Amino acid sequence: MPAAGQPPCRRCLLSETDPEGLYRQIRTRIELLTDEERTAPEEYAQRLAHCTRCDALRSGLCSICGCFAELRAARREQHCPHEQHFW
């Protein structure tokens, strides 16, 4: 988490900036997904890797669609909202 007075990390995921707050709620929602709804762990990691390299990621949120990147990536049927659809 950034020090007081510093702007939030623009290319970080919630798991890196807020592990005990909002990220815990997102993690709980991901855990409630059924196996049929959830992205496979390897693919999930690849999706998040793309997100962390994307200029549209802003403190865990996608500035294109407004979603929480970790939650969107966890849903098998979701796709990247970027015009190039990275995943």
PDB file of N, CA and C in Angstrom:
ATOM      1  N   MET A   1       0.847  -1.176   0.000  1.00  0.00           N
ATOM      2  CA  MET A   1       0.000   0.000   0.000  1.00  0.00           C
ATOM      3  C   MET A   1       0.888   1.233   0.000  1.00  0.00           C
ATOM      4  N   PRO A   2       0.514   2.277  -0.760  1.00  0.00           N
ATOM      5  CA  PRO A   2       1.344   3.472  -0.819  1.00  0.00           C
ATOM      6  C   PRO A   2       1.416   4.166   0.536  1.00  0.00           C
ATOM      7  N   ALA A   3       2.519   4.838   0.769  1.00  0.00           N
ATOM      8  CA  ALA A   3       2.681   5.604   2.004  1.00  0.00           C
ATOM      9  C   ALA A   3       1.718   6.785   1.991  1.00  0.00           C
ATOM     10  N   ALA A   4       1.427   7.305   3.163  1.00  0.00           N
ATOM     11  CA  ALA A   4       0.527   8.452   3.271  1.00  0.00           C
ATOM     12  C   ALA A   4       1.025   9.591   2.396  1.00  0.00           C
ATOM     13  N   GLY A   5       0.115  10.190   1.661  1.00  0.00           N
ATOM     14  CA  GLY A   5       0.474  11.302   0.796  1.00  0.00           C
ATOM     15  C   GLY A   5       0.905  10.899  -0.601  1.00  0.00           C
ATOM     16  N   GLN A   6       1.145   9.614  -0.819  1.00  0.00           N
ATOM     17  CA  GLN A   6       1.524   9.158  -2.149  1.00  0.00           C
ATOM     18  C   GLN A   6       0.283   8.735  -2.919  1.00  0.00           C
ATOM     19  N   PRO A   7       0.265   8.961  -4.237  1.00  0.00           N
ATOM     20  CA  PRO A   7      -0.888   8.515  -5.018  1.00  0.00           C
ATOM     21  C   PRO A   7      -0.928   6.988  -5.064  1.00  0.00           C
ATOM     22  N   PRO A   8      -2.114   6.412  -5.272  1.00  0.00           N
ATOM     23  CA  PRO A   8      -2.205   4.949  -5.360  1.00  0.00           C
ATOM     24  C   PRO A   8      -1.437   4.424  -6.569  1.00  0.00           C
ATOM     25  N   CYS A   9      -1.006   3.209  -6.480  1.00  0.00           N
ATOM     26  CA  CYS A   9      -0.293   2.579  -7.587  1.00  0.00           C
ATOM     27  C   CYS A   9      -1.247   2.420  -8.758  1.00  0.00           C
ATOM     28  N   ARG A  10      -0.897   2.948  -9.896  1.00  0.00           N
ATOM     29  CA  ARG A  10      -1.797   2.925 -11.043  1.00  0.00           C
ATOM     30  C   ARG A  10      -1.822   1.583 -11.754  1.00  0.00           C
ATOM     31  N   ARG A  11      -0.786   0.790 -11.625  1.00  0.00           N
ATOM     32  CA  ARG A  11      -0.750  -0.476 -12.350  1.00  0.00           C
ATOM     33  C   ARG A  11      -0.653  -1.646 -11.385  1.00  0.00           C
ATOM     34  N   CYS A  12      -1.293  -1.543 -10.248  1.00  0.00           N
ATOM     35  CA  CYS A  12      -1.295  -2.614  -9.266  1.00  0.00           C
ATOM     36  C   CYS A  12      -2.679  -3.230  -9.169  1.00  0.00           C
ATOM     37  N   LEU A  13      -2.709  -4.460  -8.731  1.00  0.00           N
ATOM     38  CA  LEU A  13      -3.966  -5.142  -8.459  1.00  0.00           C
ATOM     39  C   LEU A  13      -4.355  -4.886  -7.013  1.00  0.00           C
ATOM     40  N   LEU A  14      -5.617  -5.125  -6.686  1.00  0.00           N
ATOM     41  CA  LEU A  14      -6.061  -4.936  -5.305  1.00  0.00           C
ATOM     42  C   LEU A  14      -5.279  -5.807  -4.330  1.00  0.00           C
ATOM     43  N   SER A  15      -4.906  -7.007  -4.763  1.00  0.00           N
ATOM     44  CA  SER A  15      -4.173  -7.911  -3.876  1.00  0.00           C
ATOM     45  C   SER A  15      -2.841  -7.305  -3.437  1.00  0.00           C
ATOM     46  N   GLU A  16      -2.317  -6.383  -4.229  1.00  0.00           N
ATOM     47  CA  GLU A  16      -1.037  -5.755  -3.903  1.00  0.00           C
ATOM     48  C   GLU A  16      -1.204  -4.468  -3.101  1.00  0.00           C
ATOM     49  N   THR A  17      -2.345  -3.818  -3.208  1.00  0.00           N
ATOM     50  CA  THR A  17      -2.506  -2.524  -2.564  1.00  0.00           C
ATOM     51  C   THR A  17      -3.450  -2.529  -1.374  1.00  0.00           C
ATOM     52  N   ASP A  18      -4.328  -3.509  -1.282  1.00  0.00           N
ATOM     53  CA  ASP A  18      -5.357  -3.510  -0.236  1.00  0.00           C
ATOM     54  C   ASP A  18      -5.690  -4.932   0.197  1.00  0.00           C
ATOM     55  N   PRO A  19      -4.707  -5.694   0.695  1.00  0.00           N
ATOM     56  CA  PRO A  19      -4.952  -7.110   0.982  1.00  0.00           C
ATOM     57  C   PRO A  19      -5.977  -7.377   2.074  1.00  0.00           C
ATOM     58  N   GLU A  20      -6.214  -6.444   2.968  1.00  0.00           N
ATOM     59  CA  GLU A  20      -7.124  -6.687   4.084  1.00  0.00           C
ATOM     60  C   GLU A  20      -8.477  -5.999   3.933  1.00  0.00           C
ATOM     61  N   GLY A  21      -8.638  -5.113   2.974  1.00  0.00           N
ATOM     62  CA  GLY A  21      -9.876  -4.365   2.840  1.00  0.00           C
ATOM     63  C   GLY A  21     -10.754  -4.908   1.732  1.00  0.00           C
ATOM     64  N   LEU A  22     -10.922  -4.095   0.718  1.00  0.00           N
ATOM     65  CA  LEU A  22     -11.785  -4.445  -0.405  1.00  0.00           C
ATOM     66  C   LEU A  22     -11.344  -5.733  -1.079  1.00  0.00           C
ATOM     67  N   TYR A  23     -10.039  -5.972  -1.164  1.00  0.00           N
ATOM     68  CA  TYR A  23      -9.567  -7.190  -1.813  1.00  0.00           C
ATOM     69  C   TYR A  23     -10.120  -8.436  -1.132  1.00  0.00           C
ATOM     70  N   ARG A  24     -10.264  -8.417   0.178  1.00  0.00           N
ATOM     71  CA  ARG A  24     -10.828  -9.568   0.890  1.00  0.00           C
ATOM     72  C   ARG A  24     -12.250  -9.851   0.397  1.00  0.00           C
ATOM     73  N   GLN A  25     -13.028  -8.798   0.181  1.00  0.00           N
ATOM     74  CA  GLN A  25     -14.391  -8.968  -0.325  1.00  0.00           C
ATOM     75  C   GLN A  25     -14.391  -9.540  -1.750  1.00  0.00           C
ATOM     76  N   ILE A  26     -13.491  -9.048  -2.573  1.00  0.00           N
ATOM     77  CA  ILE A  26     -13.378  -9.564  -3.948  1.00  0.00           C
ATOM     78  C   ILE A  26     -12.953 -11.026  -3.910  1.00  0.00           C
ATOM     79  N   ARG A  27     -11.988 -11.349  -3.071  1.00  0.00           N
ATOM     80  CA  ARG A  27     -11.504 -12.731  -2.929  1.00  0.00           C
ATOM     81  C   ARG A  27     -12.649 -13.662  -2.507  1.00  0.00           C
ATOM     82  N   THR A  28     -13.483 -13.200  -1.592  1.00  0.00           N
ATOM     83  CA  THR A  28     -14.632 -13.993  -1.149  1.00  0.00           C
ATOM     84  C   THR A  28     -15.587 -14.238  -2.311  1.00  0.00           C
ATOM     85  N   ARG A  29     -15.841 -13.221  -3.108  1.00  0.00           N
ATOM     86  CA  ARG A  29     -16.739 -13.389  -4.270  1.00  0.00           C
ATOM     87  C   ARG A  29     -16.155 -14.381  -5.263  1.00  0.00           C
ATOM     88  N   ILE A  30     -14.850 -14.338  -5.462  1.00  0.00           N
ATOM     89  CA  ILE A  30     -14.198 -15.281  -6.373  1.00  0.00           C
ATOM     90  C   ILE A  30     -14.338 -16.698  -5.837  1.00  0.00           C
ATOM     91  N   GLU A  31     -14.132 -16.869  -4.542  1.00  0.00           N
ATOM     92  CA  GLU A  31     -14.236 -18.201  -3.931  1.00  0.00           C
ATOM     93  C   GLU A  31     -15.646 -18.762  -4.019  1.00  0.00           C
ATOM     94  N   LEU A  32     -16.646 -17.914  -4.112  1.00  0.00           N
ATOM     95  CA  LEU A  32     -18.031 -18.366  -4.224  1.00  0.00           C
ATOM     96  C   LEU A  32     -18.416 -18.801  -5.639  1.00  0.00           C
ATOM     97  N   LEU A  33     -17.558 -18.512  -6.614  1.00  0.00           N
ATOM     98  CA  LEU A  33     -17.828 -18.955  -7.980  1.00  0.00           C
ATOM     99  C   LEU A  33     -17.762 -20.482  -8.040  1.00  0.00           C
ATOM    100  N   THR A  34     -18.645 -21.078  -8.818  1.00  0.00           N
ATOM    101  CA  THR A  34     -18.594 -22.527  -9.002  1.00  0.00           C
ATOM    102  C   THR A  34     -17.416 -22.868  -9.897  1.00  0.00           C
ATOM    103  N   ASP A  35     -17.034 -24.127  -9.921  1.00  0.00           N
ATOM    104  CA  ASP A  35     -15.939 -24.561 -10.793  1.00  0.00           C
ATOM    105  C   ASP A  35     -16.254 -24.269 -12.249  1.00  0.00           C
ATOM    106  N   GLU A  36     -17.527 -24.353 -12.623  1.00  0.00           N
ATOM    107  CA  GLU A  36     -17.927 -24.088 -14.009  1.00  0.00           C
ATOM    108  C   GLU A  36     -17.796 -22.607 -14.352  1.00  0.00           C
ATOM    109  N   GLU A  37     -17.963 -21.742 -13.361  1.00  0.00           N
ATOM    110  CA  GLU A  37     -17.879 -20.300 -13.581  1.00  0.00           C
ATOM    111  C   GLU A  37     -16.452 -19.770 -13.503  1.00  0.00           C
ATOM    112  N   ARG A  38     -15.593 -20.474 -12.767  1.00  0.00           N
ATOM    113  CA  ARG A  38     -14.258 -19.973 -12.441  1.00  0.00           C
ATOM    114  C   ARG A  38     -13.232 -20.322 -13.510  1.00  0.00           C
ATOM    115  N   THR A  39     -12.368 -19.358 -13.773  1.00  0.00           N
ATOM    116  CA  THR A  39     -11.244 -19.551 -14.687  1.00  0.00           C
ATOM    117  C   THR A  39     -10.227 -20.489 -14.041  1.00  0.00           C
ATOM    118  N   ALA A  40      -9.611 -21.345 -14.828  1.00  0.00           N
ATOM    119  CA  ALA A  40      -8.562 -22.234 -14.324  1.00  0.00           C
ATOM    120  C   ALA A  40      -7.423 -21.389 -13.743  1.00  0.00           C
ATOM    121  N   PRO A  41      -6.764 -21.877 -12.685  1.00  0.00           N
ATOM    122  CA  PRO A  41      -5.712 -21.092 -12.019  1.00  0.00           C
ATOM    123  C   PRO A  41      -4.609 -20.584 -12.950  1.00  0.00           C
ATOM    124  N   GLU A  42      -4.154 -21.411 -13.888  1.00  0.00           N
ATOM    125  CA  GLU A  42      -3.078 -20.979 -14.803  1.00  0.00           C
ATOM    126  C   GLU A  42      -3.556 -19.840 -15.694  1.00  0.00           C
ATOM    127  N   GLU A  43      -4.773 -19.979 -16.206  1.00  0.00           N
ATOM    128  CA  GLU A  43      -5.320 -18.949 -17.080  1.00  0.00           C
ATOM    129  C   GLU A  43      -5.584 -17.663 -16.284  1.00  0.00           C
ATOM    130  N   TYR A  44      -6.053 -17.811 -15.060  1.00  0.00           N
ATOM    131  CA  TYR A  44      -6.289 -16.655 -14.193  1.00  0.00           C
ATOM    132  C   TYR A  44      -4.990 -15.864 -14.015  1.00  0.00           C
ATOM    133  N   ALA A  45      -3.912 -16.552 -13.732  1.00  0.00           N
ATOM    134  CA  ALA A  45      -2.613 -15.888 -13.563  1.00  0.00           C
ATOM    135  C   ALA A  45      -2.186 -15.182 -14.848  1.00  0.00           C
ATOM    136  N   GLN A  46      -2.411 -15.812 -15.995  1.00  0.00           N
ATOM    137  CA  GLN A  46      -2.057 -15.194 -17.274  1.00  0.00           C
ATOM    138  C   GLN A  46      -2.903 -13.948 -17.531  1.00  0.00           C
ATOM    139  N   ARG A  47      -4.184 -14.037 -17.213  1.00  0.00           N
ATOM    140  CA  ARG A  47      -5.059 -12.881 -17.398  1.00  0.00           C
ATOM    141  C   ARG A  47      -4.586 -11.714 -16.536  1.00  0.00           C
ATOM    142  N   LEU A  48      -4.287 -11.981 -15.276  1.00  0.00           N
ATOM    143  CA  LEU A  48      -3.837 -10.909 -14.389  1.00  0.00           C
ATOM    144  C   LEU A  48      -2.492 -10.345 -14.833  1.00  0.00           C
ATOM    145  N   ALA A  49      -1.644 -11.179 -15.399  1.00  0.00           N
ATOM    146  CA  ALA A  49      -0.359 -10.689 -15.912  1.00  0.00           C
ATOM    147  C   ALA A  49      -0.599  -9.673 -17.023  1.00  0.00           C
ATOM    148  N   HIS A  50      -1.565  -9.945 -17.890  1.00  0.00           N
ATOM    149  CA  HIS A  50      -1.912  -8.975 -18.941  1.00  0.00           C
ATOM    150  C   HIS A  50      -2.442  -7.691 -18.315  1.00  0.00           C
ATOM    151  N   CYS A  51      -3.299  -7.831 -17.310  1.00  0.00           N
ATOM    152  CA  CYS A  51      -3.870  -6.648 -16.656  1.00  0.00           C
ATOM    153  C   CYS A  51      -2.786  -5.756 -16.061  1.00  0.00           C
ATOM    154  N   THR A  52      -1.793  -6.349 -15.412  1.00  0.00           N
ATOM    155  CA  THR A  52      -0.762  -5.534 -14.766  1.00  0.00           C
ATOM    156  C   THR A  52       0.139  -4.831 -15.773  1.00  0.00           C
ATOM    157  N   ARG A  53       0.140  -5.273 -17.018  1.00  0.00           N
ATOM    158  CA  ARG A  53       0.911  -4.597 -18.069  1.00  0.00           C
ATOM    159  C   ARG A  53       0.071  -3.569 -18.825  1.00  0.00           C
ATOM    160  N   CYS A  54      -1.214  -3.518 -18.554  1.00  0.00           N
ATOM    161  CA  CYS A  54      -2.133  -2.663 -19.309  1.00  0.00           C
ATOM    162  C   CYS A  54      -2.212  -1.261 -18.700  1.00  0.00           C
ATOM    163  N   ASP A  55      -2.170  -0.254 -19.553  1.00  0.00           N
ATOM    164  CA  ASP A  55      -2.271   1.128 -19.098  1.00  0.00           C
ATOM    165  C   ASP A  55      -3.659   1.470 -18.557  1.00  0.00           C
ATOM    166  N   ALA A  56      -4.649   0.619 -18.810  1.00  0.00           N
ATOM    167  CA  ALA A  56      -6.012   0.888 -18.345  1.00  0.00           C
ATOM    168  C   ALA A  56      -6.225   0.473 -16.889  1.00  0.00           C
ATOM    169  N   LEU A  57      -5.282  -0.246 -16.288  1.00  0.00           N
ATOM    170  CA  LEU A  57      -5.429  -0.668 -14.895  1.00  0.00           C
ATOM    171  C   LEU A  57      -5.116   0.498 -13.971  1.00  0.00           C
ATOM    172  N   ARG A  58      -6.056   0.791 -13.077  1.00  0.00           N
ATOM    173  CA  ARG A  58      -5.914   1.894 -12.132  1.00  0.00           C
ATOM    174  C   ARG A  58      -6.282   1.402 -10.742  1.00  0.00           C
ATOM    175  N   SER A  59      -5.296   1.098  -9.941  1.00  0.00           N
ATOM    176  CA  SER A  59      -5.515   0.679  -8.549  1.00  0.00           C
ATOM    177  C   SER A  59      -6.508  -0.466  -8.439  1.00  0.00           C
ATOM    178  N   GLY A  60      -6.336  -1.474  -9.287  1.00  0.00           N
ATOM    179  CA  GLY A  60      -7.181  -2.662  -9.242  1.00  0.00           C
ATOM    180  C   GLY A  60      -8.429  -2.586 -10.089  1.00  0.00           C
ATOM    181  N   LEU A  61      -8.726  -1.410 -10.636  1.00  0.00           N
ATOM    182  CA  LEU A  61      -9.909  -1.230 -11.476  1.00  0.00           C
ATOM    183  C   LEU A  61      -9.515  -1.060 -12.932  1.00  0.00           C
ATOM    184  N   CYS A  62     -10.327  -1.607 -13.808  1.00  0.00           N
ATOM    185  CA  CYS A  62     -10.140  -1.403 -15.240  1.00  0.00           C
ATOM    186  C   CYS A  62     -10.792  -0.073 -15.599  1.00  0.00           C
ATOM    187  N   SER A  63     -10.020   0.866 -16.132  1.00  0.00           N
ATOM    188  CA  SER A  63     -10.585   2.178 -16.467  1.00  0.00           C
ATOM    189  C   SER A  63     -11.429   2.135 -17.736  1.00  0.00           C
ATOM    190  N   ILE A  64     -11.407   1.015 -18.450  1.00  0.00           N
ATOM    191  CA  ILE A  64     -12.235   0.882 -19.646  1.00  0.00           C
ATOM    192  C   ILE A  64     -13.671   0.534 -19.271  1.00  0.00           C
ATOM    193  N   CYS A  65     -13.837  -0.444 -18.384  1.00  0.00           N
ATOM    194  CA  CYS A  65     -15.193  -0.901 -18.051  1.00  0.00           C
ATOM    195  C   CYS A  65     -15.577  -0.648 -16.593  1.00  0.00           C
ATOM    196  N   GLY A  66     -14.608  -0.337 -15.731  1.00  0.00           N
ATOM    197  CA  GLY A  66     -14.899  -0.056 -14.332  1.00  0.00           C
ATOM    198  C   GLY A  66     -14.940  -1.278 -13.430  1.00  0.00           C
ATOM    199  N   CYS A  67     -14.594  -2.444 -13.968  1.00  0.00           N
ATOM    200  CA  CYS A  67     -14.646  -3.668 -13.161  1.00  0.00           C
ATOM    201  C   CYS A  67     -13.399  -3.804 -12.287  1.00  0.00           C
ATOM    202  N   PHE A  68     -13.507  -4.673 -11.282  1.00  0.00           N
ATOM    203  CA  PHE A  68     -12.334  -5.082 -10.523  1.00  0.00           C
ATOM    204  C   PHE A  68     -11.631  -6.142 -11.365  1.00  0.00           C
ATOM    205  N   ALA A  69     -10.394  -5.890 -11.739  1.00  0.00           N
ATOM    206  CA  ALA A  69      -9.678  -6.781 -12.659  1.00  0.00           C
ATOM    207  C   ALA A  69      -9.617  -8.210 -12.138  1.00  0.00           C
ATOM    208  N   GLU A  70      -9.355  -8.387 -10.846  1.00  0.00           N
ATOM    209  CA  GLU A  70      -9.234  -9.742 -10.296  1.00  0.00           C
ATOM    210  C   GLU A  70     -10.541 -10.524 -10.388  1.00  0.00           C
ATOM    211  N   LEU A  71     -11.665  -9.843 -10.208  1.00  0.00           N
ATOM    212  CA  LEU A  71     -12.957 -10.525 -10.289  1.00  0.00           C
ATOM    213  C   LEU A  71     -13.318 -10.845 -11.733  1.00  0.00           C
ATOM    214  N   ARG A  72     -13.110  -9.904 -12.629  1.00  0.00           N
ATOM    215  CA  ARG A  72     -13.424 -10.149 -14.039  1.00  0.00           C
ATOM    216  C   ARG A  72     -12.574 -11.301 -14.582  1.00  0.00           C
ATOM    217  N   ALA A  73     -11.287 -11.301 -14.250  1.00  0.00           N
ATOM    218  CA  ALA A  73     -10.384 -12.352 -14.734  1.00  0.00           C
ATOM    219  C   ALA A  73     -10.753 -13.716 -14.172  1.00  0.00           C
ATOM    220  N   ALA A  74     -11.374 -13.746 -13.008  1.00  0.00           N
ATOM    221  CA  ALA A  74     -11.732 -15.015 -12.365  1.00  0.00           C
ATOM    222  C   ALA A  74     -12.940 -15.684 -13.013  1.00  0.00           C
ATOM    223  N   ARG A  75     -13.733 -14.925 -13.732  1.00  0.00           N
ATOM    224  CA  ARG A  75     -14.935 -15.477 -14.362  1.00  0.00           C
ATOM    225  C   ARG A  75     -14.602 -15.997 -15.760  1.00  0.00           C
ATOM    226  N   ARG A  76     -14.743 -17.274 -15.934  1.00  0.00           N
ATOM    227  CA  ARG A  76     -14.376 -17.947 -17.177  1.00  0.00           C
ATOM    228  C   ARG A  76     -14.993 -17.288 -18.415  1.00  0.00           C
ATOM    229  N   GLU A  77     -16.253 -16.913 -18.347  1.00  0.00           N
ATOM    230  CA  GLU A  77     -16.962 -16.385 -19.509  1.00  0.00           C
ATOM    231  C   GLU A  77     -16.678 -14.911 -19.798  1.00  0.00           C
ATOM    232  N   GLN A  78     -15.940 -14.244 -18.932  1.00  0.00           N
ATOM    233  CA  GLN A  78     -15.610 -12.840 -19.154  1.00  0.00           C
ATOM    234  C   GLN A  78     -14.431 -12.726 -20.112  1.00  0.00           C
ATOM    235  N   HIS A  79     -14.274 -11.563 -20.691  1.00  0.00           N
ATOM    236  CA  HIS A  79     -13.126 -11.292 -21.553  1.00  0.00           C
ATOM    237  C   HIS A  79     -12.570  -9.918 -21.208  1.00  0.00           C
ATOM    238  N   CYS A  80     -11.395  -9.657 -21.686  1.00  0.00           N
ATOM    239  CA  CYS A  80     -10.758  -8.356 -21.492  1.00  0.00           C
ATOM    240  C   CYS A  80     -11.560  -7.314 -22.281  1.00  0.00           C
ATOM    241  N   PRO A  81     -11.926  -6.193 -21.655  1.00  0.00           N
ATOM    242  CA  PRO A  81     -12.708  -5.183 -22.362  1.00  0.00           C
ATOM    243  C   PRO A  81     -11.891  -4.276 -23.281  1.00  0.00           C
ATOM    244  N   HIS A  82     -10.588  -4.425 -23.250  1.00  0.00           N
ATOM    245  CA  HIS A  82      -9.725  -3.612 -24.116  1.00  0.00           C
ATOM    246  C   HIS A  82     -10.059  -3.904 -25.571  1.00  0.00           C
ATOM    247  N   GLU A  83      -9.898  -2.943 -26.427  1.00  0.00           N
ATOM    248  CA  GLU A  83     -10.231  -3.147 -27.846  1.00  0.00           C
ATOM    249  C   GLU A  83      -9.409  -4.277 -28.488  1.00  0.00           C
ATOM    250  N   GLN A  84      -8.251  -4.591 -27.919  1.00  0.00           N
ATOM    251  CA  GLN A  84      -7.436  -5.697 -28.439  1.00  0.00           C
ATOM    252  C   GLN A  84      -7.743  -7.030 -27.759  1.00  0.00           C
ATOM    253  N   HIS A  85      -8.627  -7.024 -26.769  1.00  0.00           N
ATOM    254  CA  HIS A  85      -9.006  -8.245 -26.038  1.00  0.00           C
ATOM    255  C   HIS A  85      -7.785  -9.102 -25.712  1.00  0.00           C
ATOM    256  N   PHE A  86      -6.999  -8.665 -24.770  1.00  0.00           N
ATOM    257  CA  PHE A  86      -5.777  -9.384 -24.408  1.00  0.00           C
ATOM    258  C   PHE A  86      -6.046 -10.795 -23.898  1.00  0.00           C
ATOM    259  N   TRP A  87      -7.254 -11.046 -23.411  1.00  0.00           N
ATOM    260  CA  TRP A  87      -7.646 -12.398 -23.011  1.00  0.00           C
ATOM    261  C   TRP A  87      -9.135 -12.562 -23.181  1.00  0.00           C
TER     262      TRP A  87
END
